[in-house]
Amino acid sequence: MAEPRFLSLLPVRLAVQADRSALGELDRATWSTLHAVQPRPQPPYGPFFDERHRPEEFLVAVAVTDAGEEHIAGYLRLAPATPLACNAHVRQIQGLAVAEWARGHGIARALLRASYAEARRQGAGRLTLRVLGHNTPARELYAAEGFAVEGVLPGEFFLNGRYADDVLMGRSLMS
């Protein structure tokens, strides 16, 4: 299939079970050592959704292409940071991906902003995430969106023959 040409973005929405194949394909297509600590997925591929990764934890950006078709252009996983009741006010971004053909159109920013509203709707007052130290584009986007570095775990991962820092970022949702 030829890559679609981006035309416009529909409102970000929660994922549904029917999105599973497209999200799995997007997840595999966007895998990169820039952000992944898990090995590259290999066939046979497991299900995108499972007991620990439910559709309602995923925000989906759908783009309309020049052919008038709708394609999933990106996703963001928003989940509780921990299962602890004392931490229930925190949501964590546990994945963000944008299709190569859809990059440069503000989709990651739209997903982030939709996550603030969804996290607030769920009663959260704080949002956190983890990003690899060498992922400069993501770190710059998060900083521009109000996230601050709250901690660094130096050399936490050994990827491609090099140590990589795990950068902890967060922001308040109060205001």
N, C-alpha and C. Protein backbone atom coordinates (compact mmCIF):
# COMPACT_ATOMS: atom_id res chain seq x y z
N MET A 1 0.85 -1.19 0.00
CA MET A 1 0.00 0.00 0.00
C MET A 1 0.88 1.24 0.00
N ALA A 2 0.59 2.18 -0.87
CA ALA A 2 1.33 3.45 -0.89
C ALA A 2 0.96 4.26 0.34
N GLU A 3 1.94 5.01 0.83
CA GLU A 3 1.67 5.82 2.01
C GLU A 3 0.71 6.95 1.65
N PRO A 4 -0.30 7.17 2.48
CA PRO A 4 -1.26 8.23 2.19
C PRO A 4 -0.63 9.61 2.35
N ARG A 5 -1.21 10.59 1.69
CA ARG A 5 -0.78 11.98 1.86
C ARG A 5 -1.73 12.65 2.82
N PHE A 6 -1.19 13.24 3.87
CA PHE A 6 -1.96 13.89 4.92
C PHE A 6 -2.72 15.09 4.35
N LEU A 7 -3.97 15.24 4.78
CA LEU A 7 -4.76 16.40 4.38
C LEU A 7 -5.27 17.15 5.60
N SER A 8 -5.96 16.46 6.50
CA SER A 8 -6.47 17.13 7.70
C SER A 8 -6.61 16.11 8.83
N LEU A 9 -6.71 16.64 10.04
CA LEU A 9 -6.79 15.81 11.24
C LEU A 9 -8.19 15.89 11.83
N LEU A 10 -8.77 14.74 12.13
CA LEU A 10 -10.06 14.69 12.83
C LEU A 10 -9.80 14.87 14.32
N PRO A 11 -10.82 15.15 15.12
CA PRO A 11 -10.60 15.27 16.58
C PRO A 11 -10.02 13.96 17.14
N VAL A 12 -9.08 14.09 18.05
CA VAL A 12 -8.48 12.93 18.71
C VAL A 12 -9.58 12.22 19.48
N ARG A 13 -9.55 10.89 19.44
CA ARG A 13 -10.59 10.09 20.10
C ARG A 13 -9.95 8.92 20.83
N LEU A 14 -10.75 8.26 21.67
CA LEU A 14 -10.29 7.03 22.32
C LEU A 14 -10.28 5.90 21.29
N ALA A 15 -9.34 4.99 21.43
CA ALA A 15 -9.28 3.83 20.54
C ALA A 15 -10.46 2.91 20.80
N VAL A 16 -10.77 2.13 19.80
CA VAL A 16 -11.78 1.08 19.89
C VAL A 16 -11.14 -0.22 19.43
N GLN A 17 -11.76 -1.32 19.77
CA GLN A 17 -11.23 -2.64 19.44
C GLN A 17 -10.91 -2.78 17.94
N ALA A 18 -11.72 -2.15 17.10
CA ALA A 18 -11.53 -2.24 15.64
C ALA A 18 -10.22 -1.58 15.19
N ASP A 19 -9.60 -0.77 16.03
CA ASP A 19 -8.34 -0.09 15.69
C ASP A 19 -7.12 -1.00 15.86
N ARG A 20 -7.30 -2.18 16.44
CA ARG A 20 -6.16 -2.99 16.87
C ARG A 20 -5.17 -3.31 15.76
N SER A 21 -5.63 -3.68 14.58
CA SER A 21 -4.70 -4.02 13.49
C SER A 21 -3.91 -2.81 13.03
N ALA A 22 -4.61 -1.70 12.81
CA ALA A 22 -3.93 -0.48 12.35
C ALA A 22 -2.94 0.02 13.39
N LEU A 23 -3.31 -0.07 14.68
CA LEU A 23 -2.40 0.37 15.73
C LEU A 23 -1.19 -0.54 15.83
N GLY A 24 -1.39 -1.84 15.67
CA GLY A 24 -0.27 -2.77 15.67
C GLY A 24 0.69 -2.49 14.53
N GLU A 25 0.14 -2.24 13.34
CA GLU A 25 0.99 -1.91 12.19
C GLU A 25 1.75 -0.61 12.42
N LEU A 26 1.07 0.39 12.96
CA LEU A 26 1.73 1.67 13.24
C LEU A 26 2.82 1.49 14.27
N ASP A 27 2.54 0.72 15.30
CA ASP A 27 3.53 0.49 16.35
C ASP A 27 4.78 -0.17 15.78
N ARG A 28 4.61 -1.16 14.95
CA ARG A 28 5.76 -1.85 14.35
C ARG A 28 6.50 -0.94 13.36
N ALA A 29 5.76 -0.14 12.59
CA ALA A 29 6.38 0.74 11.59
C ALA A 29 7.18 1.86 12.22
N THR A 30 6.79 2.28 13.41
CA THR A 30 7.48 3.41 14.05
C THR A 30 8.53 2.97 15.07
N TRP A 31 8.72 1.66 15.23
CA TRP A 31 9.72 1.18 16.18
C TRP A 31 11.08 1.77 15.80
N SER A 32 11.81 2.24 16.82
CA SER A 32 13.11 2.86 16.58
C SER A 32 13.94 2.81 17.85
N THR A 33 15.25 2.71 17.67
CA THR A 33 16.15 2.76 18.83
C THR A 33 16.18 4.16 19.44
N LEU A 34 15.58 5.12 18.78
CA LEU A 34 15.50 6.47 19.34
C LEU A 34 14.63 6.48 20.59
N HIS A 35 13.63 5.60 20.64
CA HIS A 35 12.71 5.61 21.78
C HIS A 35 12.43 4.25 22.39
N ALA A 36 12.75 3.16 21.71
CA ALA A 36 12.36 1.83 22.18
C ALA A 36 13.45 1.19 23.03
N VAL A 37 13.05 0.58 24.14
CA VAL A 37 13.98 -0.20 24.96
C VAL A 37 13.74 -1.69 24.77
N GLN A 38 12.60 -2.04 24.19
CA GLN A 38 12.29 -3.42 23.87
C GLN A 38 12.88 -3.76 22.50
N PRO A 39 13.21 -5.03 22.27
CA PRO A 39 13.70 -5.42 20.95
C PRO A 39 12.64 -5.18 19.87
N ARG A 40 13.09 -5.05 18.62
CA ARG A 40 12.17 -4.88 17.49
C ARG A 40 11.18 -6.05 17.48
N PRO A 41 9.88 -5.77 17.34
CA PRO A 41 8.89 -6.85 17.28
C PRO A 41 9.15 -7.78 16.10
N GLN A 42 8.96 -9.05 16.33
CA GLN A 42 9.16 -10.07 15.30
C GLN A 42 7.89 -10.89 15.16
N PRO A 43 7.61 -11.38 13.96
CA PRO A 43 6.44 -12.26 13.79
C PRO A 43 6.65 -13.56 14.54
N PRO A 44 5.63 -14.23 14.97
CA PRO A 44 4.23 -13.78 14.87
C PRO A 44 3.95 -12.70 15.90
N TYR A 45 3.26 -11.67 15.47
CA TYR A 45 2.97 -10.54 16.35
C TYR A 45 1.82 -10.86 17.28
N GLY A 46 1.98 -10.47 18.51
CA GLY A 46 0.90 -10.64 19.48
C GLY A 46 -0.16 -9.58 19.28
N PRO A 47 -1.24 -9.67 20.02
CA PRO A 47 -2.31 -8.68 19.89
C PRO A 47 -1.85 -7.31 20.40
N PHE A 48 -2.34 -6.26 19.78
CA PHE A 48 -1.99 -4.91 20.24
C PHE A 48 -2.67 -4.64 21.58
N PHE A 49 -3.93 -5.02 21.70
CA PHE A 49 -4.65 -4.87 22.96
C PHE A 49 -4.60 -6.19 23.72
N ASP A 50 -4.46 -6.09 25.04
CA ASP A 50 -4.54 -7.26 25.91
C ASP A 50 -5.02 -6.79 27.27
N GLU A 51 -4.93 -7.66 28.28
CA GLU A 51 -5.44 -7.31 29.62
C GLU A 51 -4.72 -6.09 30.21
N ARG A 52 -3.47 -5.91 29.86
CA ARG A 52 -2.68 -4.80 30.41
C ARG A 52 -2.65 -3.57 29.50
N HIS A 53 -3.14 -3.69 28.28
CA HIS A 53 -3.14 -2.60 27.30
C HIS A 53 -4.53 -2.55 26.66
N ARG A 54 -5.43 -1.85 27.34
CA ARG A 54 -6.83 -1.83 26.93
C ARG A 54 -7.10 -0.66 25.96
N PRO A 55 -8.07 -0.82 25.05
CA PRO A 55 -8.35 0.24 24.08
C PRO A 55 -8.60 1.61 24.72
N GLU A 56 -9.28 1.62 25.86
CA GLU A 56 -9.61 2.91 26.49
C GLU A 56 -8.39 3.64 27.05
N GLU A 57 -7.22 3.03 27.02
CA GLU A 57 -5.98 3.70 27.44
C GLU A 57 -5.28 4.41 26.28
N PHE A 58 -5.81 4.25 25.08
CA PHE A 58 -5.15 4.80 23.90
C PHE A 58 -5.96 5.93 23.28
N LEU A 59 -5.31 7.04 23.05
CA LEU A 59 -5.89 8.13 22.27
C LEU A 59 -5.39 7.97 20.85
N VAL A 60 -6.26 8.19 19.88
CA VAL A 60 -5.95 7.95 18.48
C VAL A 60 -6.17 9.23 17.67
N ALA A 61 -5.19 9.54 16.84
CA ALA A 61 -5.31 10.66 15.89
C ALA A 61 -5.60 10.06 14.52
N VAL A 62 -6.69 10.48 13.94
CA VAL A 62 -7.08 9.99 12.62
C VAL A 62 -6.96 11.14 11.63
N ALA A 63 -6.24 10.87 10.53
CA ALA A 63 -6.06 11.87 9.49
C ALA A 63 -6.89 11.51 8.28
N VAL A 64 -7.37 12.54 7.61
CA VAL A 64 -8.05 12.38 6.34
C VAL A 64 -6.99 12.65 5.28
N THR A 65 -6.90 11.75 4.30
CA THR A 65 -5.88 11.87 3.27
C THR A 65 -6.42 12.60 2.05
N ASP A 66 -5.54 12.85 1.11
CA ASP A 66 -5.93 13.51 -0.13
C ASP A 66 -6.94 12.69 -0.92
N ALA A 67 -7.01 11.39 -0.66
CA ALA A 67 -8.00 10.53 -1.33
C ALA A 67 -9.32 10.48 -0.56
N GLY A 68 -9.42 11.23 0.54
CA GLY A 68 -10.64 11.25 1.33
C GLY A 68 -10.78 10.07 2.27
N GLU A 69 -9.71 9.29 2.43
CA GLU A 69 -9.74 8.13 3.32
C GLU A 69 -9.26 8.52 4.70
N GLU A 70 -9.75 7.80 5.71
CA GLU A 70 -9.30 8.01 7.08
C GLU A 70 -8.26 6.96 7.44
N HIS A 71 -7.14 7.41 7.98
CA HIS A 71 -6.06 6.52 8.41
C HIS A 71 -5.61 6.95 9.80
N ILE A 72 -5.28 5.97 10.64
CA ILE A 72 -4.72 6.30 11.94
C ILE A 72 -3.33 6.88 11.71
N ALA A 73 -3.14 8.08 12.19
CA ALA A 73 -1.88 8.80 11.99
C ALA A 73 -0.99 8.74 13.22
N GLY A 74 -1.58 8.44 14.38
CA GLY A 74 -0.78 8.39 15.59
C GLY A 74 -1.60 7.93 16.78
N TYR A 75 -0.88 7.60 17.83
CA TYR A 75 -1.55 7.22 19.07
C TYR A 75 -0.72 7.65 20.26
N LEU A 76 -1.38 7.72 21.41
CA LEU A 76 -0.74 8.00 22.69
C LEU A 76 -1.39 7.08 23.71
N ARG A 77 -0.57 6.39 24.49
CA ARG A 77 -1.11 5.55 25.56
C ARG A 77 -1.07 6.34 26.86
N LEU A 78 -2.21 6.46 27.52
CA LEU A 78 -2.36 7.18 28.77
C LEU A 78 -2.89 6.20 29.80
N ALA A 79 -2.08 5.91 30.82
CA ALA A 79 -2.45 4.89 31.80
C ALA A 79 -2.11 5.38 33.20
N PRO A 80 -2.71 4.74 34.21
CA PRO A 80 -2.29 5.07 35.59
C PRO A 80 -0.79 4.81 35.74
N ALA A 81 -0.13 5.68 36.48
CA ALA A 81 1.32 5.52 36.68
C ALA A 81 1.63 4.25 37.46
N THR A 82 0.80 3.95 38.45
CA THR A 82 0.93 2.73 39.25
C THR A 82 -0.48 2.28 39.64
N PRO A 83 -0.63 1.07 40.19
CA PRO A 83 -1.95 0.63 40.66
C PRO A 83 -2.28 1.10 42.08
N LEU A 84 -1.42 1.89 42.68
CA LEU A 84 -1.59 2.32 44.07
C LEU A 84 -2.64 3.41 44.21
N ALA A 85 -3.52 3.30 45.21
CA ALA A 85 -4.55 4.30 45.45
C ALA A 85 -3.94 5.67 45.76
N CYS A 86 -2.81 5.69 46.45
CA CYS A 86 -2.17 6.96 46.81
C CYS A 86 -1.54 7.66 45.60
N ASN A 87 -1.53 6.98 44.45
CA ASN A 87 -0.94 7.52 43.22
C ASN A 87 -2.01 7.69 42.13
N ALA A 88 -3.28 7.56 42.52
CA ALA A 88 -4.38 7.58 41.55
C ALA A 88 -4.55 8.93 40.86
N HIS A 89 -3.97 9.97 41.39
CA HIS A 89 -4.08 11.31 40.80
C HIS A 89 -3.07 11.54 39.68
N VAL A 90 -2.27 10.52 39.36
CA VAL A 90 -1.23 10.64 38.34
C VAL A 90 -1.55 9.73 37.16
N ARG A 91 -1.42 10.27 35.97
CA ARG A 91 -1.48 9.47 34.75
C ARG A 91 -0.10 9.57 34.10
N GLN A 92 0.24 8.52 33.35
CA GLN A 92 1.55 8.47 32.71
C GLN A 92 1.38 8.20 31.22
N ILE A 93 2.11 8.94 30.42
CA ILE A 93 2.17 8.67 28.99
C ILE A 93 3.13 7.50 28.83
N GLN A 94 2.63 6.40 28.31
CA GLN A 94 3.42 5.17 28.18
C GLN A 94 3.58 4.76 26.73
N GLY A 95 3.59 5.71 25.85
CA GLY A 95 3.82 5.45 24.43
C GLY A 95 3.20 6.55 23.60
N LEU A 96 3.93 6.97 22.59
CA LEU A 96 3.47 7.98 21.65
C LEU A 96 4.10 7.66 20.31
N ALA A 97 3.29 7.52 19.29
CA ALA A 97 3.80 7.20 17.95
C ALA A 97 3.03 7.97 16.90
N VAL A 98 3.74 8.45 15.89
CA VAL A 98 3.13 9.14 14.75
C VAL A 98 3.69 8.51 13.48
N ALA A 99 2.80 8.17 12.56
CA ALA A 99 3.21 7.58 11.29
C ALA A 99 4.16 8.52 10.55
N GLU A 100 5.12 7.93 9.87
CA GLU A 100 6.11 8.72 9.12
C GLU A 100 5.43 9.69 8.16
N TRP A 101 4.42 9.25 7.44
CA TRP A 101 3.75 10.09 6.45
C TRP A 101 2.98 11.25 7.08
N ALA A 102 2.71 11.16 8.39
CA ALA A 102 1.90 12.18 9.06
C ALA A 102 2.74 13.13 9.91
N ARG A 103 4.04 12.95 9.94
CA ARG A 103 4.89 13.79 10.79
C ARG A 103 4.98 15.21 10.23
N GLY A 104 5.17 16.15 11.16
CA GLY A 104 5.30 17.55 10.77
C GLY A 104 3.98 18.28 10.65
N HIS A 105 2.89 17.66 11.09
CA HIS A 105 1.57 18.27 11.00
C HIS A 105 0.94 18.52 12.37
N GLY A 106 1.72 18.46 13.43
CA GLY A 106 1.21 18.74 14.77
C GLY A 106 0.44 17.61 15.42
N ILE A 107 0.59 16.40 14.92
CA ILE A 107 -0.19 15.28 15.47
C ILE A 107 0.27 14.91 16.86
N ALA A 108 1.57 14.86 17.10
CA ALA A 108 2.06 14.54 18.46
C ALA A 108 1.57 15.59 19.45
N ARG A 109 1.61 16.83 19.06
CA ARG A 109 1.14 17.92 19.93
C ARG A 109 -0.36 17.78 20.18
N ALA A 110 -1.14 17.45 19.15
CA ALA A 110 -2.59 17.26 19.32
C ALA A 110 -2.87 16.10 20.27
N LEU A 111 -2.11 15.01 20.14
CA LEU A 111 -2.28 13.87 21.05
C LEU A 111 -1.94 14.26 22.47
N LEU A 112 -0.84 14.99 22.66
CA LEU A 112 -0.47 15.43 24.01
C LEU A 112 -1.57 16.29 24.62
N ARG A 113 -2.05 17.26 23.87
CA ARG A 113 -3.08 18.16 24.40
C ARG A 113 -4.38 17.40 24.70
N ALA A 114 -4.72 16.44 23.88
CA ALA A 114 -5.90 15.62 24.15
C ALA A 114 -5.68 14.79 25.41
N SER A 115 -4.43 14.38 25.66
CA SER A 115 -4.15 13.58 26.87
C SER A 115 -4.35 14.41 28.13
N TYR A 116 -4.10 15.72 28.08
CA TYR A 116 -4.32 16.55 29.26
C TYR A 116 -5.80 16.55 29.62
N ALA A 117 -6.64 16.74 28.61
CA ALA A 117 -8.09 16.77 28.84
C ALA A 117 -8.58 15.40 29.33
N GLU A 118 -8.09 14.32 28.72
CA GLU A 118 -8.53 12.99 29.12
C GLU A 118 -8.05 12.66 30.53
N ALA A 119 -6.83 13.02 30.86
CA ALA A 119 -6.31 12.76 32.21
C ALA A 119 -7.13 13.54 33.25
N ARG A 120 -7.45 14.79 32.95
CA ARG A 120 -8.29 15.57 33.86
C ARG A 120 -9.67 14.93 34.01
N ARG A 121 -10.24 14.46 32.88
CA ARG A 121 -11.55 13.81 32.92
C ARG A 121 -11.51 12.60 33.84
N GLN A 122 -10.37 11.92 33.88
CA GLN A 122 -10.20 10.76 34.74
C GLN A 122 -9.86 11.13 36.18
N GLY A 123 -9.78 12.43 36.47
CA GLY A 123 -9.51 12.88 37.83
C GLY A 123 -8.05 13.10 38.16
N ALA A 124 -7.20 13.06 37.16
CA ALA A 124 -5.77 13.25 37.40
C ALA A 124 -5.42 14.73 37.52
N GLY A 125 -4.42 15.00 38.33
CA GLY A 125 -3.91 16.36 38.48
C GLY A 125 -2.47 16.48 38.05
N ARG A 126 -1.92 15.35 37.62
CA ARG A 126 -0.50 15.32 37.26
C ARG A 126 -0.29 14.31 36.13
N LEU A 127 0.66 14.63 35.25
CA LEU A 127 0.98 13.77 34.12
C LEU A 127 2.49 13.58 34.07
N THR A 128 2.93 12.33 33.91
CA THR A 128 4.36 12.03 33.85
C THR A 128 4.67 11.21 32.60
N LEU A 129 5.95 11.10 32.31
CA LEU A 129 6.42 10.27 31.21
C LEU A 129 7.89 9.99 31.40
N ARG A 130 8.38 9.02 30.62
CA ARG A 130 9.80 8.68 30.59
C ARG A 130 10.24 8.77 29.14
N VAL A 131 11.41 9.32 28.92
CA VAL A 131 11.94 9.48 27.57
C VAL A 131 13.44 9.21 27.61
N LEU A 132 13.95 8.58 26.57
CA LEU A 132 15.39 8.32 26.52
C LEU A 132 16.15 9.62 26.34
N GLY A 133 17.27 9.72 27.02
CA GLY A 133 18.06 10.95 26.99
C GLY A 133 18.48 11.37 25.60
N HIS A 134 18.72 10.43 24.71
CA HIS A 134 19.17 10.78 23.36
C HIS A 134 18.03 11.13 22.41
N ASN A 135 16.79 11.08 22.87
CA ASN A 135 15.64 11.40 22.03
C ASN A 135 15.35 12.90 22.12
N THR A 136 16.23 13.68 21.53
CA THR A 136 16.15 15.14 21.60
C THR A 136 14.84 15.69 21.03
N PRO A 137 14.36 15.22 19.88
CA PRO A 137 13.09 15.79 19.37
C PRO A 137 11.93 15.61 20.34
N ALA A 138 11.82 14.43 20.96
CA ALA A 138 10.73 14.20 21.91
C ALA A 138 10.91 15.07 23.16
N ARG A 139 12.12 15.15 23.66
CA ARG A 139 12.36 15.96 24.86
C ARG A 139 12.02 17.42 24.60
N GLU A 140 12.36 17.92 23.41
CA GLU A 140 12.05 19.31 23.08
C GLU A 140 10.54 19.53 22.97
N LEU A 141 9.84 18.58 22.36
CA LEU A 141 8.38 18.68 22.28
C LEU A 141 7.76 18.69 23.66
N TYR A 142 8.17 17.76 24.52
CA TYR A 142 7.61 17.70 25.86
C TYR A 142 7.89 18.99 26.65
N ALA A 143 9.10 19.50 26.54
CA ALA A 143 9.44 20.75 27.23
C ALA A 143 8.57 21.90 26.71
N ALA A 144 8.37 21.96 25.40
CA ALA A 144 7.53 23.01 24.82
C ALA A 144 6.08 22.89 25.28
N GLU A 145 5.67 21.68 25.67
CA GLU A 145 4.31 21.43 26.14
C GLU A 145 4.19 21.51 27.66
N GLY A 146 5.21 22.04 28.33
CA GLY A 146 5.12 22.28 29.76
C GLY A 146 5.66 21.20 30.66
N PHE A 147 6.25 20.16 30.10
CA PHE A 147 6.87 19.12 30.93
C PHE A 147 8.26 19.59 31.36
N ALA A 148 8.60 19.26 32.59
CA ALA A 148 9.92 19.58 33.12
C ALA A 148 10.65 18.30 33.48
N VAL A 149 11.96 18.33 33.32
CA VAL A 149 12.76 17.18 33.75
C VAL A 149 12.71 17.13 35.27
N GLU A 150 12.31 15.99 35.81
CA GLU A 150 12.19 15.83 37.25
C GLU A 150 13.20 14.83 37.80
N GLY A 151 13.89 14.18 36.90
CA GLY A 151 14.91 13.23 37.33
C GLY A 151 15.56 12.57 36.13
N VAL A 152 16.77 12.09 36.34
CA VAL A 152 17.49 11.38 35.29
C VAL A 152 18.12 10.15 35.92
N LEU A 153 17.91 9.01 35.29
CA LEU A 153 18.56 7.78 35.70
C LEU A 153 19.70 7.55 34.70
N PRO A 154 20.91 7.97 35.05
CA PRO A 154 22.03 7.89 34.10
C PRO A 154 22.35 6.44 33.72
N GLY A 155 22.56 6.23 32.43
CA GLY A 155 22.96 4.91 31.95
C GLY A 155 22.00 3.79 32.29
N GLU A 156 20.73 4.08 32.40
CA GLU A 156 19.73 3.09 32.82
C GLU A 156 19.56 1.96 31.82
N PHE A 157 19.78 2.24 30.53
CA PHE A 157 19.59 1.24 29.49
C PHE A 157 20.87 1.10 28.67
N PHE A 158 21.12 -0.11 28.19
CA PHE A 158 22.24 -0.37 27.29
C PHE A 158 21.64 -0.73 25.94
N LEU A 159 21.72 0.21 24.98
CA LEU A 159 21.07 0.08 23.68
C LEU A 159 22.08 0.31 22.57
N ASN A 160 22.13 -0.58 21.63
CA ASN A 160 23.05 -0.44 20.49
C ASN A 160 24.49 -0.19 20.90
N GLY A 161 24.94 -0.88 21.95
CA GLY A 161 26.32 -0.76 22.38
C GLY A 161 26.65 0.49 23.18
N ARG A 162 25.61 1.24 23.58
CA ARG A 162 25.83 2.48 24.34
C ARG A 162 24.86 2.56 25.51
N TYR A 163 25.26 3.24 26.55
CA TYR A 163 24.36 3.47 27.67
C TYR A 163 23.48 4.68 27.37
N ALA A 164 22.22 4.57 27.76
CA ALA A 164 21.26 5.65 27.53
C ALA A 164 20.60 6.03 28.85
N ASP A 165 20.45 7.33 29.06
CA ASP A 165 19.77 7.83 30.25
C ASP A 165 18.26 7.67 30.10
N ASP A 166 17.60 7.46 31.22
CA ASP A 166 16.15 7.43 31.31
C ASP A 166 15.76 8.76 31.96
N VAL A 167 15.09 9.62 31.21
CA VAL A 167 14.75 10.95 31.69
C VAL A 167 13.28 10.96 32.13
N LEU A 168 13.05 11.34 33.37
CA LEU A 168 11.71 11.40 33.94
C LEU A 168 11.21 12.84 33.83
N MET A 169 10.04 12.99 33.22
CA MET A 169 9.47 14.34 33.03
C MET A 169 8.04 14.35 33.58
N GLY A 170 7.58 15.52 33.97
CA GLY A 170 6.23 15.63 34.47
C GLY A 170 5.71 17.04 34.34
N ARG A 171 4.39 17.15 34.51
CA ARG A 171 3.74 18.47 34.50
C ARG A 171 2.44 18.40 35.27
N SER A 172 2.08 19.51 35.83
CA SER A 172 0.81 19.62 36.55
C SER A 172 -0.33 19.80 35.54
N LEU A 173 -1.49 19.30 35.90
CA LEU A 173 -2.68 19.51 35.10
C LEU A 173 -3.63 20.48 35.80
N MET A 174 -3.15 21.08 36.88
CA MET A 174 -3.96 22.01 37.66
C MET A 174 -3.85 23.40 37.05
N SER A 175 -4.78 23.79 36.26
CA SER A 175 -4.90 25.13 35.66
C SER A 175 -5.32 25.04 34.25
